[in-house]
PDB file of N, CA and C in Angstrom:
ATOM      1  N   MET A   1     213.121 -10.317 146.156  1.00  0.00           N
ATOM      2  CA  MET A   1     211.732 -10.038 145.864  1.00  0.00           C
ATOM      3  C   MET A   1     210.801 -10.991 146.590  1.00  0.00           C
ATOM      4  N   PHE A   2     211.249 -12.198 146.878  1.00  0.00           N
ATOM      5  CA  PHE A   2     210.442 -13.150 147.636  1.00  0.00           C
ATOM      6  C   PHE A   2     211.020 -13.355 149.033  1.00  0.00           C
ATOM      7  N   PHE A   3     211.799 -12.371 149.502  1.00  0.00           N
ATOM      8  CA  PHE A   3     212.426 -12.438 150.818  1.00  0.00           C
ATOM      9  C   PHE A   3     211.366 -12.544 151.899  1.00  0.00           C
ATOM     10  N   GLY A   4     211.617 -13.388 152.856  1.00  0.00           N
ATOM     11  CA  GLY A   4     210.712 -13.532 153.987  1.00  0.00           C
ATOM     12  C   GLY A   4     209.628 -14.574 153.789  1.00  0.00           C
ATOM     13  N   LEU A   5     209.517 -15.116 152.599  1.00  0.00           N
ATOM     14  CA  LEU A   5     208.534 -16.174 152.371  1.00  0.00           C
ATOM     15  C   LEU A   5     209.118 -17.500 152.838  1.00  0.00           C
ATOM     16  N   ARG A   6     208.267 -18.370 153.333  1.00  0.00           N
ATOM     17  CA  ARG A   6     208.734 -19.666 153.834  1.00  0.00           C
ATOM     18  C   ARG A   6     208.960 -20.692 152.722  1.00  0.00           C
ATOM     19  N   THR A   7     208.444 -20.404 151.549  1.00  0.00           N
ATOM     20  CA  THR A   7     208.569 -21.328 150.427  1.00  0.00           C
ATOM     21  C   THR A   7     209.878 -21.073 149.692  1.00  0.00           C
ATOM     22  N   PRO A   8     210.608 -22.138 149.334  1.00  0.00           N
ATOM     23  CA  PRO A   8     211.863 -21.951 148.586  1.00  0.00           C
ATOM     24  C   PRO A   8     211.622 -21.279 147.235  1.00  0.00           C
ATOM     25  N   MET A   9     212.577 -20.462 146.825  1.00  0.00           N
ATOM     26  CA  MET A   9     212.488 -19.719 145.562  1.00  0.00           C
ATOM     27  C   MET A   9     212.238 -20.646 144.378  1.00  0.00           C
ATOM     28  N   ASP A  10     212.901 -21.806 144.343  1.00  0.00           N
ATOM     29  CA  ASP A  10     212.726 -22.693 143.187  1.00  0.00           C
ATOM     30  C   ASP A  10     211.299 -23.214 143.079  1.00  0.00           C
ATOM     31  N   LYS A  11     210.615 -23.399 144.203  1.00  0.00           N
ATOM     32  CA  LYS A  11     209.215 -23.841 144.144  1.00  0.00           C
ATOM     33  C   LYS A  11     208.321 -22.717 143.632  1.00  0.00           C
ATOM     34  N   ILE A  12     208.563 -21.496 144.095  1.00  0.00           N
ATOM     35  CA  ILE A  12     207.772 -20.346 143.641  1.00  0.00           C
ATOM     36  C   ILE A  12     207.944 -20.162 142.137  1.00  0.00           C
ATOM     37  N   VAL A  13     209.187 -20.151 141.691  1.00  0.00           N
ATOM     38  CA  VAL A  13     209.471 -19.965 140.262  1.00  0.00           C
ATOM     39  C   VAL A  13     208.900 -21.132 139.455  1.00  0.00           C
ATOM     40  N   GLY A  14     208.999 -22.328 139.987  1.00  0.00           N
ATOM     41  CA  GLY A  14     208.436 -23.490 139.294  1.00  0.00           C
ATOM     42  C   GLY A  14     206.936 -23.366 139.103  1.00  0.00           C
ATOM     43  N   CYS A  15     206.250 -22.910 140.134  1.00  0.00           N
ATOM     44  CA  CYS A  15     204.796 -22.714 140.036  1.00  0.00           C
ATOM     45  C   CYS A  15     204.454 -21.634 139.019  1.00  0.00           C
ATOM     46  N   LEU A  16     205.178 -20.529 139.058  1.00  0.00           N
ATOM     47  CA  LEU A  16     204.925 -19.452 138.101  1.00  0.00           C
ATOM     48  C   LEU A  16     205.220 -19.907 136.675  1.00  0.00           C
ATOM     49  N   THR A  17     206.257 -20.709 136.511  1.00  0.00           N
ATOM     50  CA  THR A  17     206.599 -21.231 135.186  1.00  0.00           C
ATOM     51  C   THR A  17     205.503 -22.153 134.663  1.00  0.00           C
ATOM     52  N   LEU A  18     204.927 -22.974 135.536  1.00  0.00           N
ATOM     53  CA  LEU A  18     203.821 -23.843 135.123  1.00  0.00           C
ATOM     54  C   LEU A  18     202.619 -23.019 134.672  1.00  0.00           C
ATOM     55  N   LEU A  19     202.333 -21.939 135.378  1.00  0.00           N
ATOM     56  CA  LEU A  19     201.235 -21.061 134.970  1.00  0.00           C
ATOM     57  C   LEU A  19     201.465 -20.510 133.570  1.00  0.00           C
ATOM     58  N   VAL A  20     202.684 -20.043 133.340  1.00  0.00           N
ATOM     59  CA  VAL A  20     203.006 -19.447 132.048  1.00  0.00           C
ATOM     60  C   VAL A  20     202.962 -20.480 130.934  1.00  0.00           C
ATOM     61  N   SER A  21     203.317 -21.718 131.260  1.00  0.00           N
ATOM     62  CA  SER A  21     203.329 -22.757 130.229  1.00  0.00           C
ATOM     63  C   SER A  21     201.923 -23.200 129.852  1.00  0.00           C
ATOM     64  N   GLY A  22     200.909 -22.683 130.563  1.00  0.00           N
ATOM     65  CA  GLY A  22     199.531 -22.976 130.179  1.00  0.00           C
ATOM     66  C   GLY A  22     198.763 -23.811 131.176  1.00  0.00           C
ATOM     67  N   MET A  23     199.416 -24.275 132.226  1.00  0.00           N
ATOM     68  CA  MET A  23     198.712 -25.057 133.231  1.00  0.00           C
ATOM     69  C   MET A  23     197.799 -24.122 134.018  1.00  0.00           C
ATOM     70  N   GLY A  24     196.603 -24.553 134.277  1.00  0.00           N
ATOM     71  CA  GLY A  24     195.643 -23.734 135.010  1.00  0.00           C
ATOM     72  C   GLY A  24     196.010 -23.573 136.473  1.00  0.00           C
ATOM     73  N   THR A  25     195.460 -22.543 137.079  1.00  0.00           N
ATOM     74  CA  THR A  25     195.745 -22.234 138.475  1.00  0.00           C
ATOM     75  C   THR A  25     195.423 -23.414 139.391  1.00  0.00           C
ATOM     76  N   ASN A  26     194.251 -23.993 139.239  1.00  0.00           N
ATOM     77  CA  ASN A  26     193.868 -25.110 140.094  1.00  0.00           C
ATOM     78  C   ASN A  26     194.784 -26.311 139.902  1.00  0.00           C
ATOM     79  N   ALA A  27     195.175 -26.567 138.672  1.00  0.00           N
ATOM     80  CA  ALA A  27     196.067 -27.697 138.400  1.00  0.00           C
ATOM     81  C   ALA A  27     197.450 -27.475 139.026  1.00  0.00           C
ATOM     82  N   VAL A  28     197.949 -26.244 138.943  1.00  0.00           N
ATOM     83  CA  VAL A  28     199.245 -25.925 139.564  1.00  0.00           C
ATOM     84  C   VAL A  28     199.153 -26.113 141.074  1.00  0.00           C
ATOM     85  N   CYS A  29     198.075 -25.629 141.648  1.00  0.00           N
ATOM     86  CA  CYS A  29     197.894 -25.764 143.097  1.00  0.00           C
ATOM     87  C   CYS A  29     197.871 -27.227 143.523  1.00  0.00           C
ATOM     88  N   ARG A  30     197.133 -28.044 142.802  1.00  0.00           N
ATOM     89  CA  ARG A  30     197.083 -29.476 143.128  1.00  0.00           C
ATOM     90  C   ARG A  30     198.437 -30.140 142.943  1.00  0.00           C
ATOM     91  N   ALA A  31     199.075 -29.859 141.817  1.00  0.00           N
ATOM     92  CA  ALA A  31     200.348 -30.512 141.498  1.00  0.00           C
ATOM     93  C   ALA A  31     201.474 -30.109 142.447  1.00  0.00           C
ATOM     94  N   GLN A  32     201.450 -28.858 142.892  1.00  0.00           N
ATOM     95  CA  GLN A  32     202.546 -28.347 143.714  1.00  0.00           C
ATOM     96  C   GLN A  32     202.197 -28.256 145.201  1.00  0.00           C
ATOM     97  N   GLY A  33     200.945 -28.551 145.542  1.00  0.00           N
ATOM     98  CA  GLY A  33     200.539 -28.522 146.942  1.00  0.00           C
ATOM     99  C   GLY A  33     200.514 -27.130 147.554  1.00  0.00           C
ATOM    100  N   VAL A  34     200.053 -26.154 146.768  1.00  0.00           N
ATOM    101  CA  VAL A  34     199.941 -24.784 147.277  1.00  0.00           C
ATOM    102  C   VAL A  34     198.491 -24.321 147.179  1.00  0.00           C
ATOM    103  N   LYS A  35     198.152 -23.313 147.963  1.00  0.00           N
ATOM    104  CA  LYS A  35     196.807 -22.756 147.941  1.00  0.00           C
ATOM    105  C   LYS A  35     196.695 -21.705 146.844  1.00  0.00           C
ATOM    106  N   GLY A  36     195.490 -21.520 146.338  1.00  0.00           N
ATOM    107  CA  GLY A  36     195.241 -20.540 145.285  1.00  0.00           C
ATOM    108  C   GLY A  36     195.621 -19.129 145.693  1.00  0.00           C
ATOM    109  N   ASP A  37     195.298 -18.756 146.925  1.00  0.00           N
ATOM    110  CA  ASP A  37     195.653 -17.412 147.399  1.00  0.00           C
ATOM    111  C   ASP A  37     197.165 -17.220 147.447  1.00  0.00           C
ATOM    112  N   THR A  38     197.871 -18.269 147.817  1.00  0.00           N
ATOM    113  CA  THR A  38     199.335 -18.211 147.862  1.00  0.00           C
ATOM    114  C   THR A  38     199.892 -18.005 146.464  1.00  0.00           C
ATOM    115  N   LEU A  39     199.399 -18.779 145.513  1.00  0.00           N
ATOM    116  CA  LEU A  39     199.861 -18.671 144.135  1.00  0.00           C
ATOM    117  C   LEU A  39     199.585 -17.274 143.579  1.00  0.00           C
ATOM    118  N   ARG A  40     198.407 -16.744 143.836  1.00  0.00           N
ATOM    119  CA  ARG A  40     198.074 -15.394 143.379  1.00  0.00           C
ATOM    120  C   ARG A  40     198.991 -14.350 144.013  1.00  0.00           C
ATOM    121  N   SER A  41     199.327 -14.532 145.278  1.00  0.00           N
ATOM    122  CA  SER A  41     200.220 -13.564 145.931  1.00  0.00           C
ATOM    123  C   SER A  41     201.605 -13.603 145.298  1.00  0.00           C
ATOM    124  N   TRP A  42     202.073 -14.789 144.872  1.00  0.00           N
ATOM    125  CA  TRP A  42     203.373 -14.888 144.196  1.00  0.00           C
ATOM    126  C   TRP A  42     203.339 -14.186 142.847  1.00  0.00           C
ATOM    127  N   VAL A  43     202.227 -14.323 142.129  1.00  0.00           N
ATOM    128  CA  VAL A  43     202.081 -13.638 140.841  1.00  0.00           C
ATOM    129  C   VAL A  43     202.164 -12.128 141.047  1.00  0.00           C
ATOM    130  N   LEU A  44     201.474 -11.627 142.045  1.00  0.00           N
ATOM    131  CA  LEU A  44     201.481 -10.190 142.319  1.00  0.00           C
ATOM    132  C   LEU A  44     202.859  -9.712 142.772  1.00  0.00           C
ATOM    133  N   LEU A  45     203.554 -10.503 143.586  1.00  0.00           N
ATOM    134  CA  LEU A  45     204.906 -10.133 144.012  1.00  0.00           C
ATOM    135  C   LEU A  45     205.857 -10.072 142.818  1.00  0.00           C
ATOM    136  N   ALA A  46     205.763 -11.063 141.945  1.00  0.00           N
ATOM    137  CA  ALA A  46     206.618 -11.067 140.754  1.00  0.00           C
ATOM    138  C   ALA A  46     206.331  -9.837 139.904  1.00  0.00           C
ATOM    139  N   ALA A  47     205.059  -9.492 139.789  1.00  0.00           N
ATOM    140  CA  ALA A  47     204.682  -8.329 138.976  1.00  0.00           C
ATOM    141  C   ALA A  47     205.200  -7.026 139.577  1.00  0.00           C
ATOM    142  N   LYS A  48     205.280  -6.946 140.896  1.00  0.00           N
ATOM    143  CA  LYS A  48     205.780  -5.736 141.555  1.00  0.00           C
ATOM    144  C   LYS A  48     207.289  -5.573 141.395  1.00  0.00           C
ATOM    145  N   HIS A  49     207.964  -6.672 141.124  1.00  0.00           N
ATOM    146  CA  HIS A  49     209.423  -6.662 141.020  1.00  0.00           C
ATOM    147  C   HIS A  49     209.865  -7.110 139.627  1.00  0.00           C
ATOM    148  N   VAL A  50     209.306  -6.464 138.626  1.00  0.00           N
ATOM    149  CA  VAL A  50     209.536  -6.841 137.239  1.00  0.00           C
ATOM    150  C   VAL A  50     211.028  -6.946 136.899  1.00  0.00           C
ATOM    151  N   ASN A  51     211.794  -5.915 137.184  1.00  0.00           N
ATOM    152  CA  ASN A  51     213.207  -5.907 136.797  1.00  0.00           C
ATOM    153  C   ASN A  51     214.001  -6.997 137.496  1.00  0.00           C
ATOM    154  N   GLU A  52     213.812  -7.136 138.799  1.00  0.00           N
ATOM    155  CA  GLU A  52     214.541  -8.140 139.553  1.00  0.00           C
ATOM    156  C   GLU A  52     214.189  -9.552 139.095  1.00  0.00           C
ATOM    157  N   PHE A  53     212.890  -9.785 138.886  1.00  0.00           N
ATOM    158  CA  PHE A  53     212.461 -11.125 138.496  1.00  0.00           C
ATOM    159  C   PHE A  53     212.907 -11.451 137.073  1.00  0.00           C
ATOM    160  N   THR A  54     212.888 -10.473 136.193  1.00  0.00           N
ATOM    161  CA  THR A  54     213.374 -10.689 134.830  1.00  0.00           C
ATOM    162  C   THR A  54     214.854 -11.063 134.848  1.00  0.00           C
ATOM    163  N   ALA A  55     215.639 -10.361 135.648  1.00  0.00           N
ATOM    164  CA  ALA A  55     217.068 -10.687 135.764  1.00  0.00           C
ATOM    165  C   ALA A  55     217.252 -12.104 136.287  1.00  0.00           C
ATOM    166  N   TYR A  56     216.433 -12.504 137.258  1.00  0.00           N
ATOM    167  CA  TYR A  56     216.505 -13.864 137.789  1.00  0.00           C
ATOM    168  C   TYR A  56     216.178 -14.882 136.696  1.00  0.00           C
ATOM    169  N   LEU A  57     215.122 -14.616 135.938  1.00  0.00           N
ATOM    170  CA  LEU A  57     214.726 -15.538 134.878  1.00  0.00           C
ATOM    171  C   LEU A  57     215.839 -15.701 133.846  1.00  0.00           C
ATOM    172  N   GLN A  58     216.518 -14.606 133.532  1.00  0.00           N
ATOM    173  CA  GLN A  58     217.596 -14.663 132.541  1.00  0.00           C
ATOM    174  C   GLN A  58     218.810 -15.397 133.076  1.00  0.00           C
ATOM    175  N   GLN A  59     219.218 -15.079 134.293  1.00  0.00           N
ATOM    176  CA  GLN A  59     220.466 -15.625 134.824  1.00  0.00           C
ATOM    177  C   GLN A  59     220.310 -17.027 135.391  1.00  0.00           C
ATOM    178  N   GLU A  60     219.323 -17.223 136.233  1.00  0.00           N
ATOM    179  CA  GLU A  60     219.197 -18.494 136.940  1.00  0.00           C
ATOM    180  C   GLU A  60     218.460 -19.560 136.134  1.00  0.00           C
ATOM    181  N   MET A  61     217.509 -19.148 135.339  1.00  0.00           N
ATOM    182  CA  MET A  61     216.707 -20.121 134.601  1.00  0.00           C
ATOM    183  C   MET A  61     217.117 -20.219 133.140  1.00  0.00           C
ATOM    184  N   HIS A  62     217.977 -19.304 132.707  1.00  0.00           N
ATOM    185  CA  HIS A  62     218.492 -19.311 131.336  1.00  0.00           C
ATOM    186  C   HIS A  62     217.369 -19.291 130.295  1.00  0.00           C
ATOM    187  N   LEU A  63     216.366 -18.458 130.556  1.00  0.00           N
ATOM    188  CA  LEU A  63     215.276 -18.314 129.605  1.00  0.00           C
ATOM    189  C   LEU A  63     215.660 -17.317 128.525  1.00  0.00           C
ATOM    190  N   GLU A  64     215.127 -17.530 127.343  1.00  0.00           N
ATOM    191  CA  GLU A  64     215.349 -16.592 126.258  1.00  0.00           C
ATOM    192  C   GLU A  64     214.345 -15.447 126.379  1.00  0.00           C
ATOM    193  N   GLN A  65     214.642 -14.338 125.725  1.00  0.00           N
ATOM    194  CA  GLN A  65     213.803 -13.143 125.842  1.00  0.00           C
ATOM    195  C   GLN A  65     212.362 -13.424 125.456  1.00  0.00           C
ATOM    196  N   VAL A  66     212.134 -14.244 124.449  1.00  0.00           N
ATOM    197  CA  VAL A  66     210.762 -14.527 124.022  1.00  0.00           C
ATOM    198  C   VAL A  66     210.001 -15.263 125.126  1.00  0.00           C
ATOM    199  N   GLN A  67     210.672 -16.125 125.876  1.00  0.00           N
ATOM    200  CA  GLN A  67     210.029 -16.822 126.984  1.00  0.00           C
ATOM    201  C   GLN A  67     209.698 -15.844 128.119  1.00  0.00           C
ATOM    202  N   ILE A  68     210.601 -14.919 128.369  1.00  0.00           N
ATOM    203  CA  ILE A  68     210.378 -13.926 129.409  1.00  0.00           C
ATOM    204  C   ILE A  68     209.230 -12.996 129.009  1.00  0.00           C
ATOM    205  N   ASP A  69     209.196 -12.595 127.748  1.00  0.00           N
ATOM    206  CA  ASP A  69     208.094 -11.751 127.263  1.00  0.00           C
ATOM    207  C   ASP A  69     206.757 -12.464 127.419  1.00  0.00           C
ATOM    208  N   GLU A  70     206.741 -13.760 127.129  1.00  0.00           N
ATOM    209  CA  GLU A  70     205.520 -14.550 127.276  1.00  0.00           C
ATOM    210  C   GLU A  70     205.103 -14.608 128.742  1.00  0.00           C
ATOM    211  N   PHE A  71     206.069 -14.744 129.622  1.00  0.00           N
ATOM    212  CA  PHE A  71     205.787 -14.769 131.055  1.00  0.00           C
ATOM    213  C   PHE A  71     205.091 -13.481 131.489  1.00  0.00           C
ATOM    214  N   TRP A  72     205.678 -12.326 131.122  1.00  0.00           N
ATOM    215  CA  TRP A  72     205.100 -11.048 131.550  1.00  0.00           C
ATOM    216  C   TRP A  72     203.764 -10.778 130.877  1.00  0.00           C
ATOM    217  N   SER A  73     203.581 -11.252 129.671  1.00  0.00           N
ATOM    218  CA  SER A  73     202.294 -11.121 129.007  1.00  0.00           C
ATOM    219  C   SER A  73     201.222 -11.868 129.795  1.00  0.00           C
ATOM    220  N   PHE A  74     201.576 -13.058 130.258  1.00  0.00           N
ATOM    221  CA  PHE A  74     200.652 -13.843 131.071  1.00  0.00           C
ATOM    222  C   PHE A  74     200.325 -13.113 132.370  1.00  0.00           C
ATOM    223  N   ILE A  75     201.349 -12.569 133.026  1.00  0.00           N
ATOM    224  CA  ILE A  75     201.155 -11.872 134.299  1.00  0.00           C
ATOM    225  C   ILE A  75     200.233 -10.666 134.109  1.00  0.00           C
ATOM    226  N   ARG A  76     200.451  -9.896 133.039  1.00  0.00           N
ATOM    227  CA  ARG A  76     199.588  -8.738 132.775  1.00  0.00           C
ATOM    228  C   ARG A  76     198.140  -9.174 132.579  1.00  0.00           C
ATOM    229  N   LYS A  77     197.941 -10.249 131.832  1.00  0.00           N
ATOM    230  CA  LYS A  77     196.591 -10.736 131.592  1.00  0.00           C
ATOM    231  C   LYS A  77     195.963 -11.228 132.897  1.00  0.00           C
ATOM    232  N   LYS A  78     196.735 -11.927 133.706  1.00  0.00           N
ATOM    233  CA  LYS A  78     196.240 -12.454 134.974  1.00  0.00           C
ATOM    234  C   LYS A  78     195.853 -11.320 135.915  1.00  0.00           C
ATOM    235  N   ARG A  79     196.654 -10.269 135.983  1.00  0.00           N
ATOM    236  CA  ARG A  79     196.340  -9.133 136.868  1.00  0.00           C
ATOM    237  C   ARG A  79     195.064  -8.450 136.405  1.00  0.00           C
ATOM    238  N   THR A  80     194.839  -8.359 135.103  1.00  0.00           N
ATOM    239  CA  THR A  80     193.621  -7.753 134.577  1.00  0.00           C
ATOM    240  C   THR A  80     192.403  -8.580 134.961  1.00  0.00           C
ATOM    241  N   LEU A  81     192.515  -9.905 134.824  1.00  0.00           N
ATOM    242  CA  LEU A  81     191.403 -10.780 135.155  1.00  0.00           C
ATOM    243  C   LEU A  81     191.079 -10.774 136.647  1.00  0.00           C
ATOM    244  N   ASP A  82     192.109 -10.627 137.479  1.00  0.00           N
ATOM    245  CA  ASP A  82     191.912 -10.616 138.929  1.00  0.00           C
ATOM    246  C   ASP A  82     191.565  -9.229 139.456  1.00  0.00           C
ATOM    247  N   GLY A  83     191.547  -8.248 138.572  1.00  0.00           N
ATOM    248  CA  GLY A  83     191.206  -6.895 138.979  1.00  0.00           C
ATOM    249  C   GLY A  83     192.376  -6.139 139.587  1.00  0.00           C
ATOM    250  N   GLY A  84     193.622  -6.610 139.316  1.00  0.00           N
ATOM    251  CA  GLY A  84     194.798  -5.987 139.919  1.00  0.00           C
ATOM    252  C   GLY A  84     195.374  -4.889 139.140  1.00  0.00           C
TER     253      GLY A  84
END
């Protein structure tokens, strides 16, 4: 789902996880050294690949279903706010 991006998968997932945990977009960008547009594009890519990303979250990150549900709830809210 993030094939072809120059950023390692663990950094992308780490940034998305920080967003879900409540850290603001600007704070994530500063802390991780990424641009706001880049972070937004990762959110949209994750949203386009719901099934694949959910499987990754379960297998690689060992998240529980409630954490995954919270993640997707955040993504839905973010897409609404951004007009997506």
